[in-house]
């Protein structure tokens, strides 16, 4: 009698051999699980293919947002032109007052002489007022009336890169001030200043149709 046969039992209840029977999960459940997985995969492929067809037939007029969703993109007609100077006056029409706000003497006169060579009119030359004296950390400050914000100041700014432009609504007259700061190392090179001055009056570029599509 095998050790697997309970005591007192034999005949058709007798278990022979020394190997335990193995229990197997029902095959029906495994087939059902495989069927569900396959169905989900097929539905995913169908949905992706549908989106691709829509994108093709709509001319690619959809874009993917940061959230990964498709969103319609409106075609661009024309980009707004960049702000331009209303009236670009010639340097000979601009009177510049040059003031030195640094501890280094002689900067105002040297700068005024260079600006005169470049065609600007020179007004007052001297030390800066208490409002600016040793308080300008950058290359300089350009100061003028409100109207100069789109006329004289941009022209003067081409001569000193990095200068800060300011306007004063209560200021009288058309003169503008150039206040030299601690960061002043000299005026912009004449060639570079000339290119910047030419760019002020250049028309704004109109974007092409291709560039408009790329921006979508």
N, C-alpha and C. Protein backbone atom coordinates (compact mmCIF):
# COMPACT_ATOMS: atom_id res chain seq x y z
N UNK A 1 0.86 -1.19 0.00
CA UNK A 1 0.00 0.00 0.00
C UNK A 1 0.89 1.23 0.00
N UNK A 2 0.45 2.23 -0.75
CA UNK A 2 1.25 3.47 -0.83
C UNK A 2 1.05 4.31 0.41
N UNK A 3 2.01 5.11 0.70
CA UNK A 3 1.92 6.00 1.86
C UNK A 3 0.84 7.06 1.67
N UNK A 4 0.40 7.26 0.40
CA UNK A 4 -0.63 8.26 0.13
C UNK A 4 -2.02 7.74 0.39
N UNK A 5 -2.17 6.41 0.57
CA UNK A 5 -3.49 5.81 0.80
C UNK A 5 -3.85 5.90 2.27
N UNK A 6 -4.97 6.54 2.58
CA UNK A 6 -5.38 6.64 3.99
C UNK A 6 -5.56 5.26 4.58
N UNK A 7 -5.30 5.14 5.89
CA UNK A 7 -5.47 3.84 6.54
C UNK A 7 -6.89 3.32 6.41
N UNK A 8 -7.02 2.04 6.15
CA UNK A 8 -8.31 1.40 6.08
C UNK A 8 -8.98 1.53 4.74
N UNK A 9 -8.28 2.13 3.75
CA UNK A 9 -8.90 2.32 2.43
C UNK A 9 -8.09 1.56 1.41
N UNK A 10 -8.75 1.03 0.47
CA UNK A 10 -8.09 0.27 -0.58
C UNK A 10 -9.00 0.18 -1.78
N UNK A 11 -8.72 -0.73 -2.62
CA UNK A 11 -9.54 -0.93 -3.80
C UNK A 11 -9.45 0.26 -4.72
N UNK A 12 -10.66 0.75 -5.11
CA UNK A 12 -10.65 1.88 -6.07
C UNK A 12 -10.22 3.17 -5.43
N UNK A 13 -10.17 3.19 -4.06
CA UNK A 13 -9.70 4.40 -3.40
C UNK A 13 -8.21 4.38 -3.17
N UNK A 14 -7.57 3.36 -3.60
CA UNK A 14 -6.14 3.22 -3.36
C UNK A 14 -5.37 4.14 -4.30
N UNK A 15 -4.44 4.87 -3.73
CA UNK A 15 -3.57 5.79 -4.49
C UNK A 15 -2.20 5.16 -4.58
N UNK A 16 -1.76 4.96 -5.75
CA UNK A 16 -0.45 4.34 -5.95
C UNK A 16 0.54 5.37 -6.41
N UNK A 17 1.80 5.02 -6.29
CA UNK A 17 2.87 5.92 -6.73
C UNK A 17 3.32 6.83 -5.59
N UNK A 18 4.42 7.55 -5.84
CA UNK A 18 4.98 8.44 -4.82
C UNK A 18 5.01 9.88 -5.27
N UNK A 19 4.12 10.30 -6.24
CA UNK A 19 4.09 11.67 -6.77
C UNK A 19 2.75 12.29 -6.45
N UNK A 20 2.82 13.54 -5.87
CA UNK A 20 1.59 14.24 -5.53
C UNK A 20 0.91 14.79 -6.78
N UNK A 21 -0.37 14.75 -6.86
CA UNK A 21 -1.06 15.34 -8.03
C UNK A 21 -0.88 16.84 -8.06
N UNK A 22 -0.69 17.44 -9.26
CA UNK A 22 -0.51 18.87 -9.42
C UNK A 22 -1.84 19.53 -9.77
N UNK A 23 -2.04 20.69 -9.16
CA UNK A 23 -3.26 21.44 -9.42
C UNK A 23 -2.97 22.48 -10.49
N UNK A 24 -3.74 22.55 -11.56
CA UNK A 24 -3.55 23.51 -12.66
C UNK A 24 -4.72 24.48 -12.69
N UNK A 25 -4.43 25.79 -12.95
CA UNK A 25 -5.53 26.77 -13.04
C UNK A 25 -6.39 26.46 -14.24
N UNK A 26 -7.60 26.79 -14.18
CA UNK A 26 -8.48 26.52 -15.31
C UNK A 26 -7.99 27.25 -16.56
N UNK A 27 -7.98 26.56 -17.66
CA UNK A 27 -7.53 27.18 -18.91
C UNK A 27 -8.52 28.21 -19.40
N UNK A 28 -9.74 28.13 -18.99
CA UNK A 28 -10.75 29.05 -19.47
C UNK A 28 -10.45 30.49 -19.02
N UNK A 29 -9.99 30.63 -17.78
CA UNK A 29 -9.67 31.97 -17.27
C UNK A 29 -8.50 32.58 -18.02
N UNK A 30 -7.50 31.80 -18.34
CA UNK A 30 -6.32 32.31 -19.06
C UNK A 30 -6.71 32.75 -20.46
N UNK A 31 -7.59 31.99 -21.10
CA UNK A 31 -8.02 32.37 -22.45
C UNK A 31 -8.82 33.67 -22.42
N UNK A 32 -9.64 33.84 -21.40
CA UNK A 32 -10.43 35.05 -21.28
C UNK A 32 -9.53 36.27 -21.07
N UNK A 33 -8.50 36.13 -20.25
CA UNK A 33 -7.56 37.23 -20.01
C UNK A 33 -6.81 37.61 -21.28
N UNK A 34 -6.38 36.62 -22.04
CA UNK A 34 -5.68 36.89 -23.29
C UNK A 34 -6.59 37.59 -24.28
N UNK A 35 -7.86 37.21 -24.29
CA UNK A 35 -8.82 37.84 -25.20
C UNK A 35 -9.03 39.30 -24.85
N UNK A 36 -9.10 39.62 -23.56
CA UNK A 36 -9.28 41.01 -23.13
C UNK A 36 -8.09 41.87 -23.52
N UNK A 37 -6.87 41.37 -23.29
CA UNK A 37 -5.66 42.11 -23.64
C UNK A 37 -5.61 42.37 -25.14
N UNK A 38 -5.92 41.37 -25.93
CA UNK A 38 -5.89 41.53 -27.39
C UNK A 38 -6.92 42.56 -27.84
N UNK A 39 -8.09 42.58 -27.22
CA UNK A 39 -9.13 43.52 -27.60
C UNK A 39 -8.70 44.96 -27.31
N UNK A 40 -8.08 45.17 -26.15
CA UNK A 40 -7.60 46.51 -25.80
C UNK A 40 -6.55 46.98 -26.79
N UNK A 41 -5.64 46.08 -27.18
CA UNK A 41 -4.59 46.45 -28.13
C UNK A 41 -5.18 46.83 -29.48
N UNK A 42 -6.17 46.07 -29.93
CA UNK A 42 -6.80 46.37 -31.23
C UNK A 42 -7.51 47.70 -31.19
N UNK A 43 -8.25 47.99 -30.11
CA UNK A 43 -8.94 49.27 -29.99
C UNK A 43 -7.96 50.44 -29.98
N UNK A 44 -6.81 50.27 -29.32
CA UNK A 44 -5.81 51.32 -29.31
C UNK A 44 -5.26 51.61 -30.69
N UNK A 45 -4.97 50.56 -31.45
CA UNK A 45 -4.46 50.75 -32.81
C UNK A 45 -5.49 51.42 -33.70
N UNK A 46 -6.75 51.04 -33.56
CA UNK A 46 -7.80 51.66 -34.37
C UNK A 46 -7.93 53.14 -34.05
N UNK A 47 -7.90 53.49 -32.76
CA UNK A 47 -8.00 54.90 -32.39
C UNK A 47 -6.84 55.72 -32.90
N UNK A 48 -5.62 55.19 -32.79
CA UNK A 48 -4.44 55.91 -33.29
C UNK A 48 -4.51 56.10 -34.79
N UNK A 49 -4.95 55.07 -35.52
CA UNK A 49 -5.07 55.20 -36.97
C UNK A 49 -6.11 56.23 -37.36
N UNK A 50 -7.20 56.31 -36.60
CA UNK A 50 -8.23 57.30 -36.90
C UNK A 50 -7.69 58.72 -36.74
N UNK A 51 -6.92 58.98 -35.67
CA UNK A 51 -6.33 60.30 -35.48
C UNK A 51 -5.38 60.65 -36.59
N UNK A 52 -4.60 59.70 -37.06
CA UNK A 52 -3.68 59.97 -38.16
C UNK A 52 -4.42 60.34 -39.43
N UNK A 53 -5.51 59.64 -39.72
CA UNK A 53 -6.30 59.95 -40.91
C UNK A 53 -6.91 61.34 -40.82
N UNK A 54 -7.40 61.70 -39.63
CA UNK A 54 -7.97 63.04 -39.46
C UNK A 54 -6.91 64.10 -39.68
N UNK A 55 -5.71 63.87 -39.15
CA UNK A 55 -4.62 64.84 -39.31
C UNK A 55 -4.24 65.00 -40.76
N UNK A 56 -4.25 63.91 -41.52
CA UNK A 56 -3.88 63.97 -42.94
C UNK A 56 -4.91 64.73 -43.75
N UNK A 57 -6.20 64.40 -43.54
CA UNK A 57 -7.26 65.01 -44.35
C UNK A 57 -7.55 66.45 -43.95
N UNK A 58 -7.11 66.87 -42.77
CA UNK A 58 -7.29 68.27 -42.39
C UNK A 58 -6.07 69.10 -42.70
N UNK A 59 -5.12 68.55 -43.42
CA UNK A 59 -3.94 69.33 -43.84
C UNK A 59 -2.95 69.56 -42.74
N UNK A 60 -2.94 68.72 -41.75
CA UNK A 60 -1.98 68.88 -40.66
C UNK A 60 -2.31 70.04 -39.75
N UNK A 61 -3.56 70.46 -39.73
CA UNK A 61 -3.96 71.62 -38.94
C UNK A 61 -4.20 71.31 -37.50
N UNK A 62 -3.48 70.36 -36.94
CA UNK A 62 -3.60 70.05 -35.52
C UNK A 62 -2.22 70.02 -34.92
N UNK A 63 -2.13 70.36 -33.69
CA UNK A 63 -0.85 70.33 -33.00
C UNK A 63 -1.00 69.62 -31.66
N UNK A 64 0.10 69.11 -31.15
CA UNK A 64 0.09 68.40 -29.89
C UNK A 64 0.41 69.37 -28.78
N UNK A 65 -0.44 69.45 -27.80
CA UNK A 65 -0.21 70.34 -26.69
C UNK A 65 0.70 69.69 -25.68
N UNK A 66 1.05 70.47 -24.62
CA UNK A 66 1.95 69.94 -23.60
C UNK A 66 1.33 68.76 -22.88
N UNK A 67 0.00 68.70 -22.85
CA UNK A 67 -0.67 67.59 -22.17
C UNK A 67 -0.79 66.38 -23.05
N UNK A 68 -0.29 66.45 -24.29
CA UNK A 68 -0.34 65.30 -25.19
C UNK A 68 -1.62 65.20 -25.96
N UNK A 69 -2.51 66.18 -25.89
CA UNK A 69 -3.78 66.14 -26.60
C UNK A 69 -3.65 66.89 -27.91
N UNK A 70 -4.54 66.59 -28.85
CA UNK A 70 -4.57 67.25 -30.14
C UNK A 70 -5.46 68.49 -30.05
N UNK A 71 -4.94 69.59 -30.56
CA UNK A 71 -5.70 70.83 -30.55
C UNK A 71 -5.58 71.50 -31.90
N UNK A 72 -6.69 72.11 -32.36
CA UNK A 72 -6.68 72.78 -33.65
C UNK A 72 -5.84 74.05 -33.57
N UNK A 73 -5.12 74.31 -34.64
CA UNK A 73 -4.26 75.48 -34.69
C UNK A 73 -4.79 76.44 -35.74
N UNK A 74 -5.01 77.68 -35.36
CA UNK A 74 -5.50 78.66 -36.31
C UNK A 74 -4.36 79.14 -37.21
N UNK A 75 -4.58 79.20 -38.50
CA UNK A 75 -3.53 79.66 -39.40
C UNK A 75 -3.21 81.13 -39.16
N UNK A 76 -1.94 81.44 -39.17
CA UNK A 76 -1.50 82.81 -38.98
C UNK A 76 -1.60 83.59 -40.28
N UNK A 77 -2.09 84.80 -40.18
CA UNK A 77 -2.19 85.64 -41.37
C UNK A 77 -0.91 86.46 -41.53
N UNK A 78 -0.56 87.20 -40.50
CA UNK A 78 0.65 88.02 -40.57
C UNK A 78 1.03 88.44 -39.16
N UNK A 79 2.30 88.32 -38.85
CA UNK A 79 2.76 88.69 -37.52
C UNK A 79 2.74 90.21 -37.38
N UNK A 80 2.45 90.66 -36.16
CA UNK A 80 2.44 92.09 -35.92
C UNK A 80 3.85 92.65 -36.06
N UNK A 81 4.03 93.75 -36.78
CA UNK A 81 5.37 94.30 -36.96
C UNK A 81 5.93 94.81 -35.65
N UNK A 82 7.24 94.75 -35.53
CA UNK A 82 7.90 95.23 -34.33
C UNK A 82 7.76 96.75 -34.24
N UNK A 83 7.83 97.27 -33.00
CA UNK A 83 7.71 98.71 -32.81
C UNK A 83 8.86 99.43 -33.50
N UNK A 84 8.53 100.47 -34.25
CA UNK A 84 9.52 101.22 -35.00
C UNK A 84 9.51 102.68 -34.56
N UNK A 85 10.60 103.36 -34.81
CA UNK A 85 10.69 104.77 -34.49
C UNK A 85 9.78 105.54 -35.44
N UNK A 86 8.95 106.41 -34.89
CA UNK A 86 8.01 107.17 -35.71
C UNK A 86 8.75 108.02 -36.73
N UNK A 87 9.73 108.79 -36.25
CA UNK A 87 10.48 109.69 -37.13
C UNK A 87 11.94 109.61 -36.71
N UNK A 88 12.78 109.15 -37.61
CA UNK A 88 14.20 109.00 -37.29
C UNK A 88 14.92 110.30 -37.66
N UNK A 89 15.20 111.13 -36.67
CA UNK A 89 15.89 112.38 -37.00
C UNK A 89 17.38 112.14 -37.25
N UNK A 90 17.96 112.95 -38.09
CA UNK A 90 19.40 112.87 -38.33
C UNK A 90 20.14 113.34 -37.09
N UNK A 91 21.33 112.80 -36.84
CA UNK A 91 22.08 113.24 -35.66
C UNK A 91 22.25 114.76 -35.58
N UNK A 92 22.35 115.44 -36.74
CA UNK A 92 22.53 116.89 -36.72
C UNK A 92 21.33 117.64 -36.20
N UNK A 93 20.18 116.97 -36.07
CA UNK A 93 18.98 117.60 -35.54
C UNK A 93 18.78 117.34 -34.05
N UNK A 94 19.72 116.63 -33.45
CA UNK A 94 19.61 116.25 -32.04
C UNK A 94 20.68 116.97 -31.23
N UNK A 95 20.22 117.66 -30.19
CA UNK A 95 21.15 118.32 -29.27
C UNK A 95 21.31 117.46 -28.03
N UNK A 96 22.55 117.10 -27.74
CA UNK A 96 22.84 116.18 -26.63
C UNK A 96 23.61 116.92 -25.55
N UNK A 97 23.12 116.83 -24.32
CA UNK A 97 23.85 117.31 -23.15
C UNK A 97 24.58 116.12 -22.54
N UNK A 98 25.87 116.25 -22.33
CA UNK A 98 26.67 115.13 -21.82
C UNK A 98 27.10 115.44 -20.40
N UNK A 99 26.75 114.50 -19.48
CA UNK A 99 27.07 114.68 -18.06
C UNK A 99 27.82 113.46 -17.55
N UNK A 100 28.75 113.72 -16.64
CA UNK A 100 29.58 112.66 -16.07
C UNK A 100 29.10 112.35 -14.66
N UNK A 101 28.64 111.11 -14.43
CA UNK A 101 28.17 110.71 -13.10
C UNK A 101 29.18 109.80 -12.40
N UNK A 102 30.41 109.72 -12.93
CA UNK A 102 31.44 108.84 -12.35
C UNK A 102 32.48 109.67 -11.60
N UNK A 103 33.42 108.96 -11.00
CA UNK A 103 34.52 109.62 -10.29
C UNK A 103 35.66 110.01 -11.23
N UNK A 104 35.60 109.55 -12.46
CA UNK A 104 36.67 109.79 -13.42
C UNK A 104 36.43 111.11 -14.14
N UNK A 105 37.36 112.03 -14.01
CA UNK A 105 37.21 113.33 -14.63
C UNK A 105 37.50 113.29 -16.13
N UNK A 106 36.88 114.20 -16.85
CA UNK A 106 37.17 114.35 -18.27
C UNK A 106 36.32 113.49 -19.19
N UNK A 107 35.53 112.57 -18.66
CA UNK A 107 34.75 111.67 -19.52
C UNK A 107 33.69 112.42 -20.32
N UNK A 108 33.07 113.40 -19.70
CA UNK A 108 32.00 114.12 -20.39
C UNK A 108 32.54 114.86 -21.60
N UNK A 109 33.66 115.55 -21.46
CA UNK A 109 34.22 116.30 -22.58
C UNK A 109 34.68 115.38 -23.70
N UNK A 110 35.35 114.28 -23.33
CA UNK A 110 35.82 113.34 -24.35
C UNK A 110 34.65 112.75 -25.14
N UNK A 111 33.61 112.39 -24.42
CA UNK A 111 32.44 111.79 -25.09
C UNK A 111 31.73 112.81 -25.96
N UNK A 112 31.62 114.04 -25.46
CA UNK A 112 30.97 115.09 -26.24
C UNK A 112 31.73 115.35 -27.54
N UNK A 113 33.06 115.38 -27.47
CA UNK A 113 33.87 115.60 -28.67
C UNK A 113 33.65 114.48 -29.69
N UNK A 114 33.53 113.23 -29.22
CA UNK A 114 33.31 112.10 -30.13
C UNK A 114 31.92 112.17 -30.76
N UNK A 115 30.93 112.54 -29.97
CA UNK A 115 29.59 112.66 -30.52
C UNK A 115 29.51 113.78 -31.55
N UNK A 116 30.26 114.84 -31.32
CA UNK A 116 30.28 115.93 -32.29
C UNK A 116 30.86 115.46 -33.62
N UNK A 117 31.89 114.62 -33.55
CA UNK A 117 32.48 114.08 -34.77
C UNK A 117 31.47 113.22 -35.54
N UNK A 118 30.54 112.61 -34.82
CA UNK A 118 29.56 111.73 -35.45
C UNK A 118 28.32 112.49 -35.93
N UNK A 119 28.39 113.80 -35.81
CA UNK A 119 27.31 114.61 -36.38
C UNK A 119 26.29 115.14 -35.40
N UNK A 120 26.38 114.82 -34.11
CA UNK A 120 25.40 115.31 -33.14
C UNK A 120 25.73 116.74 -32.71
N UNK A 121 24.69 117.47 -32.36
CA UNK A 121 24.88 118.78 -31.75
C UNK A 121 25.16 118.60 -30.26
N UNK A 122 26.03 119.38 -29.73
CA UNK A 122 26.39 119.27 -28.32
C UNK A 122 25.91 120.51 -27.58
N UNK A 123 25.22 120.26 -26.47
CA UNK A 123 24.74 121.34 -25.62
C UNK A 123 25.63 121.51 -24.41
N UNK A 124 25.07 121.25 -23.22
CA UNK A 124 25.83 121.40 -21.98
C UNK A 124 26.74 120.21 -21.77
N UNK A 125 27.90 120.47 -21.16
CA UNK A 125 28.87 119.41 -20.83
C UNK A 125 29.36 119.67 -19.41
N UNK A 126 29.29 118.64 -18.54
CA UNK A 126 29.76 118.82 -17.17
C UNK A 126 29.44 117.62 -16.31
N UNK A 127 29.40 117.86 -14.99
CA UNK A 127 29.11 116.79 -14.04
C UNK A 127 27.60 116.61 -13.89
N UNK A 128 27.22 115.39 -13.55
CA UNK A 128 25.81 115.07 -13.40
C UNK A 128 25.24 115.71 -12.13
N UNK A 129 23.92 115.86 -12.10
CA UNK A 129 23.25 116.41 -10.93
C UNK A 129 23.28 115.41 -9.77
N UNK A 130 22.85 115.86 -8.61
CA UNK A 130 22.87 115.00 -7.43
C UNK A 130 21.97 113.77 -7.61
N UNK A 131 20.96 113.90 -8.43
CA UNK A 131 20.05 112.77 -8.64
C UNK A 131 20.75 111.59 -9.33
N UNK A 132 21.84 111.87 -10.06
CA UNK A 132 22.53 110.83 -10.82
C UNK A 132 24.00 110.67 -10.42
N UNK A 133 24.58 111.65 -9.77
CA UNK A 133 26.01 111.61 -9.47
C UNK A 133 26.37 110.37 -8.66
N UNK A 134 27.24 109.53 -9.25
CA UNK A 134 27.74 108.28 -8.65
C UNK A 134 26.58 107.33 -8.30
N UNK A 135 25.50 107.42 -9.01
CA UNK A 135 24.35 106.53 -8.79
C UNK A 135 23.99 105.72 -10.03
N UNK A 136 24.74 105.90 -11.09
CA UNK A 136 24.47 105.17 -12.33
C UNK A 136 25.48 104.05 -12.44
N UNK A 137 25.05 102.83 -12.26
CA UNK A 137 25.96 101.68 -12.27
C UNK A 137 26.21 101.14 -13.67
N UNK A 138 25.30 101.36 -14.58
CA UNK A 138 25.46 100.83 -15.94
C UNK A 138 26.30 101.74 -16.81
N UNK A 139 26.22 101.50 -18.12
CA UNK A 139 27.01 102.31 -19.06
C UNK A 139 26.56 103.75 -19.08
N UNK A 140 25.27 103.98 -18.93
CA UNK A 140 24.77 105.34 -18.94
C UNK A 140 23.27 105.39 -18.95
N UNK A 141 22.74 106.59 -18.85
CA UNK A 141 21.30 106.83 -18.88
C UNK A 141 21.02 107.88 -19.94
N UNK A 142 20.04 107.60 -20.79
CA UNK A 142 19.58 108.56 -21.79
C UNK A 142 18.28 109.14 -21.29
N UNK A 143 18.20 110.47 -21.18
CA UNK A 143 17.04 111.12 -20.60
C UNK A 143 16.54 112.21 -21.53
N UNK A 144 15.22 112.24 -21.76
CA UNK A 144 14.64 113.25 -22.63
C UNK A 144 13.16 113.40 -22.39
N UNK A 145 12.49 114.32 -23.08
CA UNK A 145 11.04 114.48 -22.95
C UNK A 145 10.29 113.28 -23.50
N UNK A 146 9.00 113.24 -23.25
CA UNK A 146 8.19 112.10 -23.67
C UNK A 146 8.27 111.88 -25.18
N UNK A 147 8.22 112.95 -25.94
CA UNK A 147 8.25 112.84 -27.40
C UNK A 147 9.56 112.24 -27.90
N UNK A 148 10.62 112.38 -27.13
CA UNK A 148 11.93 111.85 -27.56
C UNK A 148 12.00 110.34 -27.45
N UNK A 149 11.03 109.72 -26.78
CA UNK A 149 11.06 108.27 -26.60
C UNK A 149 10.99 107.50 -27.89
N UNK A 150 10.38 108.08 -28.92
CA UNK A 150 10.29 107.40 -30.22
C UNK A 150 10.97 108.21 -31.32
N UNK A 151 11.83 109.13 -30.94
CA UNK A 151 12.55 109.94 -31.94
C UNK A 151 14.03 110.04 -31.60
N UNK A 152 14.39 110.99 -30.77
CA UNK A 152 15.80 111.29 -30.50
C UNK A 152 16.50 110.23 -29.65
N UNK A 153 15.81 109.74 -28.62
CA UNK A 153 16.47 108.79 -27.72
C UNK A 153 16.89 107.51 -28.41
N UNK A 154 16.07 106.88 -29.26
CA UNK A 154 16.53 105.69 -29.96
C UNK A 154 17.74 105.95 -30.86
N UNK A 155 17.80 107.14 -31.46
CA UNK A 155 18.95 107.48 -32.31
C UNK A 155 20.21 107.60 -31.45
N UNK A 156 20.10 108.27 -30.31
CA UNK A 156 21.25 108.41 -29.42
C UNK A 156 21.66 107.07 -28.82
N UNK A 157 20.68 106.18 -28.61
CA UNK A 157 20.97 104.87 -28.04
C UNK A 157 21.84 104.02 -28.95
N UNK A 158 21.84 104.29 -30.24
CA UNK A 158 22.69 103.53 -31.16
C UNK A 158 24.17 103.81 -30.92
N UNK A 159 24.47 104.91 -30.23
CA UNK A 159 25.86 105.28 -29.99
C UNK A 159 26.43 104.72 -28.69
N UNK A 160 25.56 104.20 -27.84
CA UNK A 160 26.02 103.65 -26.56
C UNK A 160 25.19 102.42 -26.22
N UNK A 161 25.73 101.25 -26.54
CA UNK A 161 25.02 100.00 -26.27
C UNK A 161 24.89 99.78 -24.76
N UNK A 162 23.74 99.34 -24.34
CA UNK A 162 23.50 99.04 -22.94
C UNK A 162 23.04 100.21 -22.12
N UNK A 163 22.88 101.38 -22.72
CA UNK A 163 22.41 102.54 -21.98
C UNK A 163 20.92 102.42 -21.71
N UNK A 164 20.49 102.94 -20.58
CA UNK A 164 19.07 102.91 -20.19
C UNK A 164 18.38 104.18 -20.67
N UNK A 165 17.25 104.02 -21.35
CA UNK A 165 16.50 105.17 -21.85
C UNK A 165 15.35 105.50 -20.90
N UNK A 166 15.21 106.78 -20.59
CA UNK A 166 14.13 107.24 -19.73
C UNK A 166 13.51 108.50 -20.34
N UNK A 167 12.23 108.72 -20.03
CA UNK A 167 11.57 109.94 -20.47
C UNK A 167 10.97 110.64 -19.26
N UNK A 168 10.87 111.97 -19.38
CA UNK A 168 10.33 112.80 -18.30
C UNK A 168 9.19 113.63 -18.89
N UNK A 169 7.97 113.35 -18.42
CA UNK A 169 6.80 114.03 -18.96
C UNK A 169 6.83 115.53 -18.67
N UNK A 170 7.48 115.93 -17.60
CA UNK A 170 7.51 117.34 -17.25
C UNK A 170 8.68 118.10 -17.84
N UNK A 171 9.46 117.44 -18.65
CA UNK A 171 10.65 118.08 -19.22
C UNK A 171 10.24 118.96 -20.40
N UNK A 172 10.84 120.13 -20.49
CA UNK A 172 10.58 121.06 -21.58
C UNK A 172 11.71 121.00 -22.59
N UNK A 173 11.40 121.37 -23.81
CA UNK A 173 12.41 121.40 -24.86
C UNK A 173 12.61 120.05 -25.50
N UNK A 174 13.50 120.02 -26.51
CA UNK A 174 13.74 118.79 -27.27
C UNK A 174 15.12 118.20 -27.00
N UNK A 175 15.95 118.86 -26.20
CA UNK A 175 17.29 118.34 -25.90
C UNK A 175 17.20 117.01 -25.14
N UNK A 176 18.23 116.19 -25.31
CA UNK A 176 18.31 114.93 -24.57
C UNK A 176 19.64 114.89 -23.82
N UNK A 177 19.66 114.15 -22.72
CA UNK A 177 20.86 114.06 -21.88
C UNK A 177 21.49 112.68 -22.03
N UNK A 178 22.80 112.67 -22.04
CA UNK A 178 23.57 111.44 -21.95
C UNK A 178 24.36 111.49 -20.66
N UNK A 179 23.98 110.66 -19.69
CA UNK A 179 24.61 110.65 -18.38
C UNK A 179 25.48 109.41 -18.29
N UNK A 180 26.78 109.59 -18.19
CA UNK A 180 27.73 108.48 -18.20
C UNK A 180 27.80 107.84 -16.83
N UNK A 181 27.73 106.50 -16.79
CA UNK A 181 27.75 105.76 -15.54
C UNK A 181 29.06 105.01 -15.32
N UNK A 182 29.11 104.27 -14.21
CA UNK A 182 30.33 103.55 -13.83
C UNK A 182 30.70 102.48 -14.85
N UNK A 183 29.72 101.93 -15.56
CA UNK A 183 30.00 100.89 -16.54
C UNK A 183 30.40 101.43 -17.90
N UNK A 184 30.58 102.72 -18.04
CA UNK A 184 30.92 103.31 -19.34
C UNK A 184 32.37 102.97 -19.71
N UNK A 185 32.53 102.37 -20.90
CA UNK A 185 33.85 102.03 -21.40
C UNK A 185 34.16 102.74 -22.71
N UNK A 186 33.24 103.51 -23.18
CA UNK A 186 33.41 104.18 -24.45
C UNK A 186 32.17 104.02 -25.31
N UNK A 187 32.05 104.87 -26.33
CA UNK A 187 30.91 104.79 -27.23
C UNK A 187 31.01 103.55 -28.12
N UNK A 188 29.90 103.17 -28.69
CA UNK A 188 29.87 102.05 -29.62
C UNK A 188 30.74 102.37 -30.84
N UNK A 189 31.40 101.36 -31.38
CA UNK A 189 32.22 101.57 -32.57
C UNK A 189 31.40 102.21 -33.68
N UNK A 190 31.98 103.16 -34.42
CA UNK A 190 31.22 103.89 -35.45
C UNK A 190 30.51 102.98 -36.45
N UNK A 191 31.17 101.89 -36.89
CA UNK A 191 30.55 101.01 -37.87
C UNK A 191 29.30 100.33 -37.29
N UNK A 192 29.42 99.81 -36.07
CA UNK A 192 28.28 99.15 -35.42
C UNK A 192 27.17 100.15 -35.13
N UNK A 193 27.53 101.37 -34.71
CA UNK A 193 26.53 102.39 -34.46
C UNK A 193 25.80 102.77 -35.74
N UNK A 194 26.52 102.83 -36.86
CA UNK A 194 25.90 103.14 -38.14
C UNK A 194 24.92 102.07 -38.57
N UNK A 195 25.26 100.81 -38.36
CA UNK A 195 24.33 99.73 -38.71
C UNK A 195 23.08 99.78 -37.85
N UNK A 196 23.25 100.07 -36.57
CA UNK A 196 22.10 100.17 -35.67
C UNK A 196 21.20 101.34 -36.06
N UNK A 197 21.81 102.44 -36.49
CA UNK A 197 21.02 103.60 -36.90
C UNK A 197 20.24 103.30 -38.17
N UNK A 198 20.84 102.56 -39.09
CA UNK A 198 20.14 102.19 -40.32
C UNK A 198 18.98 101.26 -40.03
N UNK A 199 19.16 100.37 -39.06
CA UNK A 199 18.10 99.40 -38.72
C UNK A 199 16.87 100.07 -38.12
N UNK A 200 17.03 101.28 -37.56
CA UNK A 200 15.89 101.95 -36.97
C UNK A 200 14.82 102.29 -38.00
N UNK A 201 15.26 102.67 -39.18
CA UNK A 201 14.31 103.07 -40.21
C UNK A 201 14.01 101.96 -41.20
N UNK A 202 14.61 100.78 -41.02
CA UNK A 202 14.36 99.66 -41.94
C UNK A 202 12.95 99.13 -41.72
N UNK A 203 12.25 98.77 -42.79
CA UNK A 203 10.89 98.23 -42.62
C UNK A 203 10.91 96.89 -41.91
N UNK A 204 9.86 96.62 -41.16
CA UNK A 204 9.77 95.35 -40.45
C UNK A 204 9.60 94.22 -41.44
N UNK A 205 10.32 93.10 -41.28
CA UNK A 205 10.18 91.98 -42.21
C UNK A 205 8.81 91.33 -42.10
N UNK A 206 8.25 90.96 -43.26
CA UNK A 206 6.95 90.29 -43.29
C UNK A 206 7.18 88.78 -43.32
N UNK A 207 6.63 88.03 -42.38
CA UNK A 207 6.85 86.58 -42.36
C UNK A 207 6.24 85.91 -43.57
N UNK A 208 6.92 84.93 -44.09
CA UNK A 208 6.43 84.18 -45.24
C UNK A 208 5.39 83.16 -44.81
N UNK A 209 4.74 82.55 -45.81
CA UNK A 209 3.72 81.54 -45.50
C UNK A 209 4.33 80.33 -44.82
N UNK A 210 5.55 79.96 -45.24
CA UNK A 210 6.21 78.79 -44.63
C UNK A 210 6.50 79.04 -43.17
N UNK A 211 6.99 80.25 -42.85
CA UNK A 211 7.31 80.54 -41.46
C UNK A 211 6.06 80.58 -40.61
N UNK A 212 4.94 81.02 -41.21
CA UNK A 212 3.69 81.03 -40.46
C UNK A 212 3.22 79.63 -40.11
N UNK A 213 3.43 78.67 -41.08
CA UNK A 213 3.04 77.29 -40.81
C UNK A 213 3.91 76.69 -39.72
N UNK A 214 5.21 77.00 -39.73
CA UNK A 214 6.11 76.43 -38.74
C UNK A 214 5.76 76.92 -37.35
N UNK A 215 5.27 78.16 -37.24
CA UNK A 215 4.93 78.68 -35.94
C UNK A 215 3.66 78.10 -35.38
N UNK A 216 2.90 77.35 -36.20
CA UNK A 216 1.63 76.79 -35.75
C UNK A 216 1.88 75.63 -34.80
